[in-house]
N, C-alpha and C. Protein backbone atom coordinates (compact mmCIF):
# COMPACT_ATOMS: atom_id res chain seq x y z
N UNK A 1 166.87 91.82 62.01
CA UNK A 1 167.22 92.79 61.00
C UNK A 1 165.98 93.60 60.67
N UNK A 2 166.19 94.87 60.41
CA UNK A 2 165.11 95.74 59.99
C UNK A 2 165.44 96.27 58.61
N UNK A 3 164.47 96.23 57.73
CA UNK A 3 164.66 96.82 56.41
C UNK A 3 163.80 98.07 56.33
N UNK A 4 164.30 99.05 55.58
CA UNK A 4 163.58 100.31 55.43
C UNK A 4 162.26 100.07 54.70
N UNK A 5 162.31 99.27 53.66
CA UNK A 5 161.10 98.96 52.90
C UNK A 5 161.28 97.57 52.31
N UNK A 6 160.30 96.71 52.52
CA UNK A 6 160.44 95.35 51.99
C UNK A 6 160.17 95.36 50.49
N UNK A 7 160.68 94.36 49.83
CA UNK A 7 160.52 94.27 48.37
C UNK A 7 159.57 93.16 47.97
N UNK A 8 159.03 92.43 48.93
CA UNK A 8 158.20 91.28 48.59
C UNK A 8 156.70 91.54 48.78
N UNK A 9 156.33 92.58 49.48
CA UNK A 9 154.91 92.86 49.69
C UNK A 9 154.70 94.36 49.59
N UNK A 10 154.18 94.80 48.47
CA UNK A 10 154.02 96.23 48.21
C UNK A 10 152.97 96.89 49.11
N UNK A 11 152.11 96.10 49.77
CA UNK A 11 151.10 96.66 50.66
C UNK A 11 151.71 97.17 51.97
N UNK A 12 152.88 96.65 52.32
CA UNK A 12 153.55 97.08 53.54
C UNK A 12 154.50 98.21 53.16
N UNK A 13 154.19 99.41 53.63
CA UNK A 13 154.95 100.58 53.20
C UNK A 13 155.69 101.25 54.35
N UNK A 14 156.19 100.44 55.27
CA UNK A 14 156.92 100.99 56.41
C UNK A 14 158.09 100.05 56.71
N UNK A 15 158.98 100.46 57.62
CA UNK A 15 160.07 99.56 58.01
C UNK A 15 159.51 98.21 58.48
N UNK A 16 160.31 97.17 58.29
CA UNK A 16 159.84 95.81 58.52
C UNK A 16 160.91 95.03 59.29
N UNK A 17 160.51 94.42 60.38
CA UNK A 17 161.42 93.58 61.17
C UNK A 17 161.36 92.17 60.61
N UNK A 18 162.53 91.67 60.20
CA UNK A 18 162.60 90.35 59.57
C UNK A 18 163.25 89.34 60.50
N UNK A 19 162.60 88.19 60.64
CA UNK A 19 163.21 87.01 61.27
C UNK A 19 163.87 87.28 62.62
N UNK A 20 163.09 87.64 63.60
CA UNK A 20 163.61 87.82 64.96
C UNK A 20 163.55 86.48 65.67
N UNK A 21 164.70 85.94 65.99
CA UNK A 21 164.79 84.67 66.70
C UNK A 21 165.70 84.82 67.92
N UNK A 22 165.36 84.12 68.99
CA UNK A 22 166.22 84.03 70.17
C UNK A 22 166.46 82.54 70.41
N UNK A 23 167.72 82.18 70.57
CA UNK A 23 168.07 80.78 70.83
C UNK A 23 167.32 80.28 72.06
N UNK A 24 166.83 79.06 72.01
CA UNK A 24 165.99 78.54 73.11
C UNK A 24 166.66 78.61 74.48
N UNK A 25 167.98 78.55 74.55
CA UNK A 25 168.67 78.65 75.84
C UNK A 25 168.56 80.05 76.45
N UNK A 26 168.20 81.02 75.66
CA UNK A 26 168.17 82.41 76.13
C UNK A 26 166.77 83.02 76.11
N UNK A 27 165.76 82.22 75.88
CA UNK A 27 164.39 82.72 75.84
C UNK A 27 163.89 83.03 77.25
N UNK A 28 162.86 83.85 77.31
CA UNK A 28 162.23 84.27 78.58
C UNK A 28 163.18 85.06 79.46
N UNK A 29 164.09 85.80 78.83
CA UNK A 29 165.02 86.66 79.55
C UNK A 29 164.90 88.11 79.10
N UNK A 30 163.89 88.41 78.29
CA UNK A 30 163.67 89.77 77.84
C UNK A 30 164.48 90.18 76.62
N UNK A 31 165.17 89.23 76.00
CA UNK A 31 166.02 89.56 74.85
C UNK A 31 165.19 90.00 73.65
N UNK A 32 164.15 89.25 73.32
CA UNK A 32 163.30 89.62 72.18
C UNK A 32 162.67 90.99 72.41
N UNK A 33 162.17 91.22 73.62
CA UNK A 33 161.57 92.49 73.96
C UNK A 33 162.59 93.62 73.79
N UNK A 34 163.79 93.41 74.27
CA UNK A 34 164.85 94.41 74.12
C UNK A 34 165.19 94.68 72.67
N UNK A 35 165.26 93.64 71.87
CA UNK A 35 165.56 93.81 70.44
C UNK A 35 164.45 94.60 69.74
N UNK A 36 163.21 94.30 70.09
CA UNK A 36 162.08 95.03 69.51
C UNK A 36 162.14 96.50 69.92
N UNK A 37 162.37 96.77 71.22
CA UNK A 37 162.45 98.16 71.69
C UNK A 37 163.57 98.93 70.99
N UNK A 38 164.72 98.30 70.88
CA UNK A 38 165.85 98.99 70.23
C UNK A 38 165.56 99.24 68.75
N UNK A 39 164.97 98.25 68.09
CA UNK A 39 164.63 98.40 66.68
C UNK A 39 163.61 99.52 66.50
N UNK A 40 162.58 99.50 67.31
CA UNK A 40 161.54 100.53 67.21
C UNK A 40 162.10 101.91 67.55
N UNK A 41 163.02 101.98 68.50
CA UNK A 41 163.65 103.25 68.83
C UNK A 41 164.45 103.80 67.66
N UNK A 42 165.20 102.94 67.00
CA UNK A 42 165.98 103.37 65.83
C UNK A 42 165.06 103.79 64.69
N UNK A 43 163.97 103.07 64.52
CA UNK A 43 163.00 103.41 63.47
C UNK A 43 162.38 104.77 63.76
N UNK A 44 161.99 105.00 65.01
CA UNK A 44 161.39 106.28 65.38
C UNK A 44 162.40 107.42 65.21
N UNK A 45 163.63 107.17 65.59
CA UNK A 45 164.69 108.18 65.46
C UNK A 45 164.91 108.56 63.99
N UNK A 46 164.65 107.63 63.09
CA UNK A 46 164.83 107.90 61.66
C UNK A 46 163.64 108.66 61.07
N UNK A 47 162.63 108.93 61.90
CA UNK A 47 161.49 109.70 61.43
C UNK A 47 160.27 108.89 61.05
N UNK A 48 160.35 107.59 61.20
CA UNK A 48 159.21 106.73 60.86
C UNK A 48 158.32 106.56 62.10
N UNK A 49 157.03 106.37 61.87
CA UNK A 49 156.13 106.17 63.01
C UNK A 49 155.42 104.82 62.99
N UNK A 50 155.76 103.96 62.03
CA UNK A 50 155.17 102.63 61.95
C UNK A 50 156.27 101.60 61.71
N UNK A 51 155.98 100.38 62.10
CA UNK A 51 156.86 99.25 61.82
C UNK A 51 155.97 98.01 61.65
N UNK A 52 156.38 97.11 60.78
CA UNK A 52 155.62 95.89 60.54
C UNK A 52 156.50 94.67 60.80
N UNK A 53 155.85 93.57 61.05
CA UNK A 53 156.54 92.28 61.20
C UNK A 53 155.52 91.19 60.96
N UNK A 54 155.98 89.99 60.82
CA UNK A 54 155.05 88.87 60.69
C UNK A 54 155.42 87.81 61.72
N UNK A 55 154.44 87.01 62.05
CA UNK A 55 154.64 85.91 62.99
C UNK A 55 153.76 84.75 62.53
N UNK A 56 154.25 83.56 62.71
CA UNK A 56 153.48 82.37 62.36
C UNK A 56 152.21 82.34 63.21
N UNK A 57 151.09 82.07 62.58
CA UNK A 57 149.79 82.16 63.24
C UNK A 57 149.69 81.32 64.52
N UNK A 58 150.28 80.14 64.52
CA UNK A 58 150.14 79.27 65.70
C UNK A 58 151.21 79.50 66.76
N UNK A 59 152.05 80.51 66.60
CA UNK A 59 153.08 80.82 67.59
C UNK A 59 152.49 81.78 68.62
N UNK A 60 151.68 81.25 69.52
CA UNK A 60 150.94 82.09 70.46
C UNK A 60 151.84 82.84 71.43
N UNK A 61 152.96 82.26 71.81
CA UNK A 61 153.87 82.94 72.74
C UNK A 61 154.38 84.24 72.12
N UNK A 62 154.83 84.16 70.89
CA UNK A 62 155.36 85.35 70.22
C UNK A 62 154.23 86.32 69.87
N UNK A 63 153.12 85.81 69.45
CA UNK A 63 151.98 86.68 69.15
C UNK A 63 151.58 87.47 70.39
N UNK A 64 151.57 86.81 71.55
CA UNK A 64 151.23 87.50 72.80
C UNK A 64 152.28 88.55 73.15
N UNK A 65 153.55 88.25 72.92
CA UNK A 65 154.61 89.23 73.17
C UNK A 65 154.37 90.48 72.34
N UNK A 66 154.16 90.31 71.05
CA UNK A 66 153.95 91.46 70.17
C UNK A 66 152.69 92.23 70.57
N UNK A 67 151.64 91.52 70.92
CA UNK A 67 150.40 92.17 71.37
C UNK A 67 150.67 92.99 72.64
N UNK A 68 151.40 92.40 73.59
CA UNK A 68 151.72 93.11 74.83
C UNK A 68 152.62 94.32 74.60
N UNK A 69 153.37 94.31 73.51
CA UNK A 69 154.23 95.44 73.18
C UNK A 69 153.48 96.51 72.38
N UNK A 70 152.21 96.26 72.08
CA UNK A 70 151.39 97.26 71.42
C UNK A 70 151.19 97.06 69.94
N UNK A 71 151.71 95.97 69.39
CA UNK A 71 151.50 95.71 67.97
C UNK A 71 150.04 95.32 67.75
N UNK A 72 149.51 95.73 66.63
CA UNK A 72 148.14 95.41 66.26
C UNK A 72 148.15 94.43 65.10
N UNK A 73 147.19 93.53 65.11
CA UNK A 73 147.08 92.55 64.03
C UNK A 73 146.53 93.24 62.78
N UNK A 74 147.15 92.93 61.67
CA UNK A 74 146.74 93.52 60.40
C UNK A 74 146.81 92.43 59.35
N UNK A 75 145.74 92.22 58.67
CA UNK A 75 145.69 91.18 57.64
C UNK A 75 145.93 91.81 56.29
N UNK A 76 147.08 91.47 55.71
CA UNK A 76 147.40 92.01 54.37
C UNK A 76 146.57 91.27 53.38
């Protein structure tokens, strides 16, 4: 799910991707990447040029995915 503006962290002032999960039986099939691309495409189409998300620090697989997709680490 993507929200236009989150209500829990006022420092984040752009659309925010919340809770992206892929069932373990369907991982490593490009589903998360596709969901991110589609979300970012819809966000860009709406006129926004930034998007934020969070990931658990020790989830290196997902952190690497986001890094490979061009996301930059930002410490709020």
